Amino acid sequence: NGENPELTTRQKHTRECYVVAEEGADKARI
């Protein structure tokens, strides 16, 4: 729209991760 916003890295994108953990792995640490 030509608004020329000031955007931080965080305001422009999000990241979604889909992870298969090894059996018994510490998911919280990962």
PDB file of all heavy atoms in Angstrom:
ATOM      1  N   ASN A   1       0.818  -1.220   0.000  1.00  0.00           N
ATOM      2  CA  ASN A   1       0.000   0.000   0.000  1.00  0.00           C
ATOM      3  C   ASN A   1       0.848   1.266   0.000  1.00  0.00           C
ATOM      4  O   ASN A   1       0.305   2.376   0.016  1.00  0.00           O
ATOM      5  CB  ASN A   1      -0.932   0.015   1.220  1.00  0.00           C
ATOM      6  CG  ASN A   1      -2.041  -1.015   1.116  1.00  0.00           C
ATOM      7  OD1 ASN A   1      -2.360  -1.467   0.008  1.00  0.00           O
ATOM      8  ND2 ASN A   1      -2.623  -1.400   2.238  1.00  0.00           N
ATOM      9  N   GLY A   2       2.172   1.101   0.026  1.00  0.00           N
ATOM     10  CA  GLY A   2       3.050   2.268   0.000  1.00  0.00           C
ATOM     11  C   GLY A   2       3.151   2.991   1.323  1.00  0.00           C
ATOM     12  O   GLY A   2       3.523   4.168   1.371  1.00  0.00           O
ATOM     13  N   GLU A   3       2.867   2.287   2.431  1.00  0.00           N
ATOM     14  CA  GLU A   3       2.884   2.941   3.745  1.00  0.00           C
ATOM     15  C   GLU A   3       4.302   3.071   4.312  1.00  0.00           C
ATOM     16  O   GLU A   3       4.501   3.757   5.318  1.00  0.00           O
ATOM     17  CB  GLU A   3       2.007   2.145   4.724  1.00  0.00           C
ATOM     18  CG  GLU A   3       0.523   2.152   4.341  1.00  0.00           C
ATOM     19  CD  GLU A   3      -0.303   1.198   5.200  1.00  0.00           C
ATOM     20  OE1 GLU A   3       0.154   0.863   6.326  1.00  0.00           O
ATOM     21  OE2 GLU A   3      -1.394   0.784   4.748  1.00  0.00           O
ATOM     22  N   ASN A   4       5.274   2.391   3.692  1.00  0.00           N
ATOM     23  CA  ASN A   4       6.674   2.433   4.150  1.00  0.00           C
ATOM     24  C   ASN A   4       6.818   2.181   5.655  1.00  0.00           C
ATOM     25  O   ASN A   4       7.451   2.963   6.367  1.00  0.00           O
ATOM     26  CB  ASN A   4       7.326   3.777   3.803  1.00  0.00           C
ATOM     27  CG  ASN A   4       7.622   3.899   2.328  1.00  0.00           C
ATOM     28  OD1 ASN A   4       7.392   2.970   1.559  1.00  0.00           O
ATOM     29  ND2 ASN A   4       8.115   5.045   1.921  1.00  0.00           N
ATOM     30  N   PRO A   5       6.248   1.080   6.147  1.00  0.00           N
ATOM     31  CA  PRO A   5       6.330   0.819   7.593  1.00  0.00           C
ATOM     32  C   PRO A   5       7.746   0.483   8.037  1.00  0.00           C
ATOM     33  O   PRO A   5       8.550  -0.034   7.256  1.00  0.00           O
ATOM     34  CB  PRO A   5       5.414  -0.395   7.777  1.00  0.00           C
ATOM     35  CG  PRO A   5       5.458  -1.097   6.454  1.00  0.00           C
ATOM     36  CD  PRO A   5       5.572  -0.016   5.421  1.00  0.00           C
ATOM     37  N   GLU A   6       8.065   0.807   9.290  1.00  0.00           N
ATOM     38  CA  GLU A   6       9.315   0.345   9.916  1.00  0.00           C
ATOM     39  C   GLU A   6       9.025  -1.023  10.519  1.00  0.00           C
ATOM     40  O   GLU A   6       8.237  -1.135  11.453  1.00  0.00           O
ATOM     41  CB  GLU A   6       9.764   1.325  11.008  1.00  0.00           C
ATOM     42  CG  GLU A   6      10.234   2.675  10.500  1.00  0.00           C
ATOM     43  CD  GLU A   6      11.574   2.597   9.778  1.00  0.00           C
ATOM     44  OE1 GLU A   6      12.282   1.574   9.963  1.00  0.00           O
ATOM     45  OE2 GLU A   6      11.901   3.528   9.033  1.00  0.00           O
ATOM     46  N   LEU A   7       9.640  -2.049   9.980  1.00  0.00           N
ATOM     47  CA  LEU A   7       9.330  -3.409  10.425  1.00  0.00           C
ATOM     48  C   LEU A   7      10.573  -4.083  10.982  1.00  0.00           C
ATOM     49  O   LEU A   7      11.625  -4.088  10.345  1.00  0.00           O
ATOM     50  CB  LEU A   7       8.803  -4.240   9.244  1.00  0.00           C
ATOM     51  CG  LEU A   7       7.493  -3.769   8.605  1.00  0.00           C
ATOM     52  CD1 LEU A   7       7.242  -4.519   7.304  1.00  0.00           C
ATOM     53  CD2 LEU A   7       6.330  -3.960   9.566  1.00  0.00           C
ATOM     54  N   THR A   8      10.444  -4.662  12.154  1.00  0.00           N
ATOM     55  CA  THR A   8      11.533  -5.468  12.699  1.00  0.00           C
ATOM     56  C   THR A   8      11.500  -6.837  12.027  1.00  0.00           C
ATOM     57  O   THR A   8      10.505  -7.217  11.384  1.00  0.00           O
ATOM     58  CB  THR A   8      11.376  -5.668  14.210  1.00  0.00           C
ATOM     59  OG1 THR A   8      10.167  -6.416  14.455  1.00  0.00           O
ATOM     60  CG2 THR A   8      11.288  -4.330  14.946  1.00  0.00           C
ATOM     61  N   THR A   9      12.576  -7.592  12.166  1.00  0.00           N
ATOM     62  CA  THR A   9      12.632  -8.959  11.651  1.00  0.00           C
ATOM     63  C   THR A   9      11.434  -9.759  12.148  1.00  0.00           C
ATOM     64  O   THR A   9      10.778 -10.481  11.403  1.00  0.00           O
ATOM     65  CB  THR A   9      13.942  -9.628  12.123  1.00  0.00           C
ATOM     66  OG1 THR A   9      15.039  -8.891  11.570  1.00  0.00           O
ATOM     67  CG2 THR A   9      14.038 -11.065  11.674  1.00  0.00           C
ATOM     68  N   ARG A  10      11.130  -9.596  13.419  1.00  0.00           N
ATOM     69  CA  ARG A  10      10.050 -10.358  14.048  1.00  0.00           C
ATOM     70  C   ARG A  10       8.684  -9.991  13.497  1.00  0.00           C
ATOM     71  O   ARG A  10       7.771 -10.824  13.454  1.00  0.00           O
ATOM     72  CB  ARG A  10      10.104 -10.113  15.566  1.00  0.00           C
ATOM     73  CG  ARG A  10       9.395 -11.160  16.402  1.00  0.00           C
ATOM     74  CD  ARG A  10       9.633 -10.895  17.880  1.00  0.00           C
ATOM     75  NE  ARG A  10      11.021 -11.106  18.260  1.00  0.00           N
ATOM     76  CZ  ARG A  10      11.544 -12.287  18.587  1.00  0.00           C
ATOM     77  NH1 ARG A  10      10.789 -13.370  18.572  1.00  0.00           N
ATOM     78  NH2 ARG A  10      12.804 -12.389  18.927  1.00  0.00           N
ATOM     79  N   GLN A  11       8.528  -8.731  13.051  1.00  0.00           N
ATOM     80  CA  GLN A  11       7.225  -8.278  12.552  1.00  0.00           C
ATOM     81  C   GLN A  11       6.955  -8.711  11.111  1.00  0.00           C
ATOM     82  O   GLN A  11       5.826  -8.644  10.652  1.00  0.00           O
ATOM     83  CB  GLN A  11       7.137  -6.744  12.644  1.00  0.00           C
ATOM     84  CG  GLN A  11       7.005  -6.220  14.065  1.00  0.00           C
ATOM     85  CD  GLN A  11       7.145  -4.708  14.127  1.00  0.00           C
ATOM     86  OE1 GLN A  11       7.951  -4.108  13.426  1.00  0.00           O
ATOM     87  NE2 GLN A  11       6.351  -4.070  14.982  1.00  0.00           N
ATOM     88  N   LYS A  12       8.005  -9.151  10.392  1.00  0.00           N
ATOM     89  CA  LYS A  12       7.826  -9.496   8.978  1.00  0.00           C
ATOM     90  C   LYS A  12       7.510 -10.972   8.738  1.00  0.00           C
ATOM     91  O   LYS A  12       6.812 -11.319   7.795  1.00  0.00           O
ATOM     92  CB  LYS A  12       9.087  -9.120   8.187  1.00  0.00           C
ATOM     93  CG  LYS A  12       9.255  -7.620   7.999  1.00  0.00           C
ATOM     94  CD  LYS A  12      10.319  -7.293   6.960  1.00  0.00           C
ATOM     95  CE  LYS A  12      11.711  -7.638   7.443  1.00  0.00           C
ATOM     96  NZ  LYS A  12      12.756  -7.234   6.460  1.00  0.00           N
ATOM     97  N   HIS A  13       8.078 -11.853   9.572  1.00  0.00           N
ATOM     98  CA  HIS A  13       7.917 -13.288   9.353  1.00  0.00           C
ATOM     99  C   HIS A  13       7.764 -14.029  10.672  1.00  0.00           C
ATOM    100  O   HIS A  13       8.261 -13.588  11.710  1.00  0.00           O
ATOM    101  CB  HIS A  13       9.154 -13.898   8.657  1.00  0.00           C
ATOM    102  CG  HIS A  13       9.456 -13.332   7.327  1.00  0.00           C
ATOM    103  ND1 HIS A  13      10.282 -12.249   7.145  1.00  0.00           N
ATOM    104  CD2 HIS A  13       9.028 -13.702   6.095  1.00  0.00           C
ATOM    105  CE1 HIS A  13      10.358 -11.969   5.862  1.00  0.00           C
ATOM    106  NE2 HIS A  13       9.614 -12.827   5.201  1.00  0.00           N
ATOM    107  N   THR A  14       7.094 -15.159  10.575  1.00  0.00           N
ATOM    108  CA  THR A  14       7.141 -16.139  11.668  1.00  0.00           C
ATOM    109  C   THR A  14       7.784 -17.407  11.107  1.00  0.00           C
ATOM    110  O   THR A  14       7.903 -17.579   9.889  1.00  0.00           O
ATOM    111  CB  THR A  14       5.734 -16.468  12.203  1.00  0.00           C
ATOM    112  OG1 THR A  14       4.939 -17.009  11.136  1.00  0.00           O
ATOM    113  CG2 THR A  14       5.066 -15.214  12.762  1.00  0.00           C
ATOM    114  N   ARG A  15       8.222 -18.283  12.013  1.00  0.00           N
ATOM    115  CA  ARG A  15       8.811 -19.550  11.587  1.00  0.00           C
ATOM    116  C   ARG A  15       8.077 -20.717  12.261  1.00  0.00           C
ATOM    117  O   ARG A  15       7.850 -20.688  13.472  1.00  0.00           O
ATOM    118  CB  ARG A  15      10.308 -19.588  11.907  1.00  0.00           C
ATOM    119  CG  ARG A  15      11.107 -18.541  11.125  1.00  0.00           C
ATOM    120  CD  ARG A  15      12.596 -18.804  11.176  1.00  0.00           C
ATOM    121  NE  ARG A  15      13.355 -17.814  10.410  1.00  0.00           N
ATOM    122  CZ  ARG A  15      13.563 -17.844   9.105  1.00  0.00           C
ATOM    123  NH1 ARG A  15      13.034 -18.833   8.395  1.00  0.00           N
ATOM    124  NH2 ARG A  15      14.271 -16.923   8.505  1.00  0.00           N
ATOM    125  N   GLU A  16       7.705 -21.697  11.459  1.00  0.00           N
ATOM    126  CA  GLU A  16       7.020 -22.885  11.973  1.00  0.00           C
ATOM    127  C   GLU A  16       7.907 -24.102  11.742  1.00  0.00           C
ATOM    128  O   GLU A  16       8.330 -24.356  10.614  1.00  0.00           O
ATOM    129  CB  GLU A  16       5.682 -23.080  11.251  1.00  0.00           C
ATOM    130  CG  GLU A  16       4.665 -21.980  11.522  1.00  0.00           C
ATOM    131  CD  GLU A  16       3.389 -22.172  10.718  1.00  0.00           C
ATOM    132  OE1 GLU A  16       3.239 -23.239  10.076  1.00  0.00           O
ATOM    133  OE2 GLU A  16       2.558 -21.259  10.718  1.00  0.00           O
ATOM    134  N   CYS A  17       8.181 -24.844  12.800  1.00  0.00           N
ATOM    135  CA  CYS A  17       9.075 -26.005  12.723  1.00  0.00           C
ATOM    136  C   CYS A  17       8.290 -27.281  13.042  1.00  0.00           C
ATOM    137  O   CYS A  17       7.581 -27.337  14.049  1.00  0.00           O
ATOM    138  CB  CYS A  17      10.221 -25.866  13.719  1.00  0.00           C
ATOM    139  SG  CYS A  17      11.090 -24.288  13.619  1.00  0.00           S
ATOM    140  N   TYR A  18       8.438 -28.269  12.187  1.00  0.00           N
ATOM    141  CA  TYR A  18       7.819 -29.576  12.403  1.00  0.00           C
ATOM    142  C   TYR A  18       8.950 -30.582  12.585  1.00  0.00           C
ATOM    143  O   TYR A  18       9.745 -30.818  11.661  1.00  0.00           O
ATOM    144  CB  TYR A  18       6.918 -29.943  11.229  1.00  0.00           C
ATOM    145  CG  TYR A  18       5.708 -29.027  11.144  1.00  0.00           C
ATOM    146  CD1 TYR A  18       5.795 -27.802  10.485  1.00  0.00           C
ATOM    147  CD2 TYR A  18       4.509 -29.367  11.757  1.00  0.00           C
ATOM    148  CE1 TYR A  18       4.707 -26.940  10.430  1.00  0.00           C
ATOM    149  CE2 TYR A  18       3.416 -28.514  11.705  1.00  0.00           C
ATOM    150  CZ  TYR A  18       3.528 -27.304  11.041  1.00  0.00           C
ATOM    151  OH  TYR A  18       2.444 -26.453  10.998  1.00  0.00           O
ATOM    152  N   VAL A  19       9.036 -31.139  13.788  1.00  0.00           N
ATOM    153  CA  VAL A  19      10.224 -31.894  14.192  1.00  0.00           C
ATOM    154  C   VAL A  19       9.854 -33.321  14.597  1.00  0.00           C
ATOM    155  O   VAL A  19       8.920 -33.531  15.378  1.00  0.00           O
ATOM    156  CB  VAL A  19      10.936 -31.192  15.379  1.00  0.00           C
ATOM    157  CG1 VAL A  19      12.165 -31.977  15.813  1.00  0.00           C
ATOM    158  CG2 VAL A  19      11.291 -29.765  15.012  1.00  0.00           C
ATOM    159  N   VAL A  20      10.607 -34.275  14.053  1.00  0.00           N
ATOM    160  CA  VAL A  20      10.521 -35.667  14.511  1.00  0.00           C
ATOM    161  C   VAL A  20      11.714 -35.903  15.429  1.00  0.00           C
ATOM    162  O   VAL A  20      12.867 -35.833  14.981  1.00  0.00           O
ATOM    163  CB  VAL A  20      10.565 -36.651  13.324  1.00  0.00           C
ATOM    164  CG1 VAL A  20      10.496 -38.096  13.831  1.00  0.00           C
ATOM    165  CG2 VAL A  20       9.444 -36.364  12.345  1.00  0.00           C
ATOM    166  N   ALA A  21      11.436 -36.153  16.710  1.00  0.00           N
ATOM    167  CA  ALA A  21      12.512 -36.360  17.682  1.00  0.00           C
ATOM    168  C   ALA A  21      12.885 -37.842  17.755  1.00  0.00           C
ATOM    169  O   ALA A  21      12.053 -38.726  17.522  1.00  0.00           O
ATOM    170  CB  ALA A  21      12.077 -35.866  19.056  1.00  0.00           C
ATOM    171  N   GLU A  22      14.157 -38.091  18.045  1.00  0.00           N
ATOM    172  CA  GLU A  22      14.595 -39.468  18.306  1.00  0.00           C
ATOM    173  C   GLU A  22      13.874 -39.978  19.557  1.00  0.00           C
ATOM    174  O   GLU A  22      13.512 -39.198  20.446  1.00  0.00           O
ATOM    175  CB  GLU A  22      16.108 -39.509  18.555  1.00  0.00           C
ATOM    176  CG  GLU A  22      16.962 -39.033  17.390  1.00  0.00           C
ATOM    177  CD  GLU A  22      17.225 -40.115  16.360  1.00  0.00           C
ATOM    178  OE1 GLU A  22      16.628 -41.209  16.488  1.00  0.00           O
ATOM    179  OE2 GLU A  22      18.003 -39.851  15.429  1.00  0.00           O
ATOM    180  N   GLU A  23      13.693 -41.275  19.625  1.00  0.00           N
ATOM    181  CA  GLU A  23      13.017 -41.857  20.790  1.00  0.00           C
ATOM    182  C   GLU A  23      13.801 -41.542  22.063  1.00  0.00           C
ATOM    183  O   GLU A  23      15.023 -41.721  22.122  1.00  0.00           O
ATOM    184  CB  GLU A  23      12.902 -43.380  20.609  1.00  0.00           C
ATOM    185  CG  GLU A  23      11.894 -44.004  21.557  1.00  0.00           C
ATOM    186  CD  GLU A  23      11.658 -45.484  21.252  1.00  0.00           C
ATOM    187  OE1 GLU A  23      11.904 -45.889  20.102  1.00  0.00           O
ATOM    188  OE2 GLU A  23      11.249 -46.194  22.173  1.00  0.00           O
ATOM    189  N   GLY A  24      13.102 -41.000  23.053  1.00  0.00           N
ATOM    190  CA  GLY A  24      13.737 -40.682  24.325  1.00  0.00           C
ATOM    191  C   GLY A  24      14.471 -39.351  24.350  1.00  0.00           C
ATOM    192  O   GLY A  24      15.056 -38.973  25.370  1.00  0.00           O
ATOM    193  N   ALA A  25      14.458 -38.608  23.240  1.00  0.00           N
ATOM    194  CA  ALA A  25      15.169 -37.321  23.197  1.00  0.00           C
ATOM    195  C   ALA A  25      14.470 -36.287  24.069  1.00  0.00           C
ATOM    196  O   ALA A  25      13.257 -36.356  24.298  1.00  0.00           O
ATOM    197  CB  ALA A  25      15.254 -36.819  21.762  1.00  0.00           C
ATOM    198  N   ASP A  26      15.239 -35.330  24.555  1.00  0.00           N
ATOM    199  CA  ASP A  26      14.729 -34.260  25.415  1.00  0.00           C
ATOM    200  C   ASP A  26      14.106 -33.179  24.527  1.00  0.00           C
ATOM    201  O   ASP A  26      14.794 -32.309  23.990  1.00  0.00           O
ATOM    202  CB  ASP A  26      15.883 -33.682  26.244  1.00  0.00           C
ATOM    203  CG  ASP A  26      15.419 -32.619  27.222  1.00  0.00           C
ATOM    204  OD1 ASP A  26      14.283 -32.119  27.088  1.00  0.00           O
ATOM    205  OD2 ASP A  26      16.210 -32.268  28.125  1.00  0.00           O
ATOM    206  N   LYS A  27      12.787 -33.232  24.388  1.00  0.00           N
ATOM    207  CA  LYS A  27      12.090 -32.314  23.477  1.00  0.00           C
ATOM    208  C   LYS A  27      12.185 -30.861  23.943  1.00  0.00           C
ATOM    209  O   LYS A  27      12.283 -29.942  23.120  1.00  0.00           O
ATOM    210  CB  LYS A  27      10.631 -32.730  23.319  1.00  0.00           C
ATOM    211  CG  LYS A  27      10.461 -34.044  22.577  1.00  0.00           C
ATOM    212  CD  LYS A  27       8.981 -34.419  22.444  1.00  0.00           C
ATOM    213  CE  LYS A  27       8.831 -35.745  21.698  1.00  0.00           C
ATOM    214  NZ  LYS A  27       7.416 -36.150  21.610  1.00  0.00           N
ATOM    215  N   ALA A  28      12.169 -30.660  25.232  1.00  0.00           N
ATOM    216  CA  ALA A  28      12.258 -29.286  25.760  1.00  0.00           C
ATOM    217  C   ALA A  28      13.601 -28.666  25.389  1.00  0.00           C
ATOM    218  O   ALA A  28      13.685 -27.495  24.991  1.00  0.00           O
ATOM    219  CB  ALA A  28      12.067 -29.287  27.276  1.00  0.00           C
ATOM    220  N   ARG A  29      14.669 -29.465  25.507  1.00  0.00           N
ATOM    221  CA  ARG A  29      16.001 -28.970  25.134  1.00  0.00           C
ATOM    222  C   ARG A  29      16.066 -28.669  23.640  1.00  0.00           C
ATOM    223  O   ARG A  29      16.592 -27.634  23.212  1.00  0.00           O
ATOM    224  CB  ARG A  29      17.077 -29.998  25.510  1.00  0.00           C
ATOM    225  CG  ARG A  29      18.476 -29.605  25.001  1.00  0.00           C
ATOM    226  CD  ARG A  29      19.499 -30.727  25.148  1.00  0.00           C
ATOM    227  NE  ARG A  29      19.128 -31.966  24.510  1.00  0.00           N
ATOM    228  CZ  ARG A  29      19.210 -32.192  23.190  1.00  0.00           C
ATOM    229  NH1 ARG A  29      19.626 -31.250  22.359  1.00  0.00           N
ATOM    230  NH2 ARG A  29      18.868 -33.375  22.697  1.00  0.00           N
ATOM    231  N   ILE A  30      15.530 -29.589  22.817  1.00  0.00           N
ATOM    232  CA  ILE A  30      15.536 -29.394  21.359  1.00  0.00           C
ATOM    233  C   ILE A  30      14.795 -28.108  20.998  1.00  0.00           C
ATOM    234  O   ILE A  30      15.279 -27.299  20.193  1.00  0.00           O
ATOM    235  CB  ILE A  30      14.899 -30.611  20.642  1.00  0.00           C
ATOM    236  CG1 ILE A  30      15.792 -31.840  20.790  1.00  0.00           C
ATOM    237  CG2 ILE A  30      14.647 -30.291  19.165  1.00  0.00           C
ATOM    238  CD1 ILE A  30      15.142 -33.140  20.332  1.00  0.00           C
TER     239      ILE A  30
END
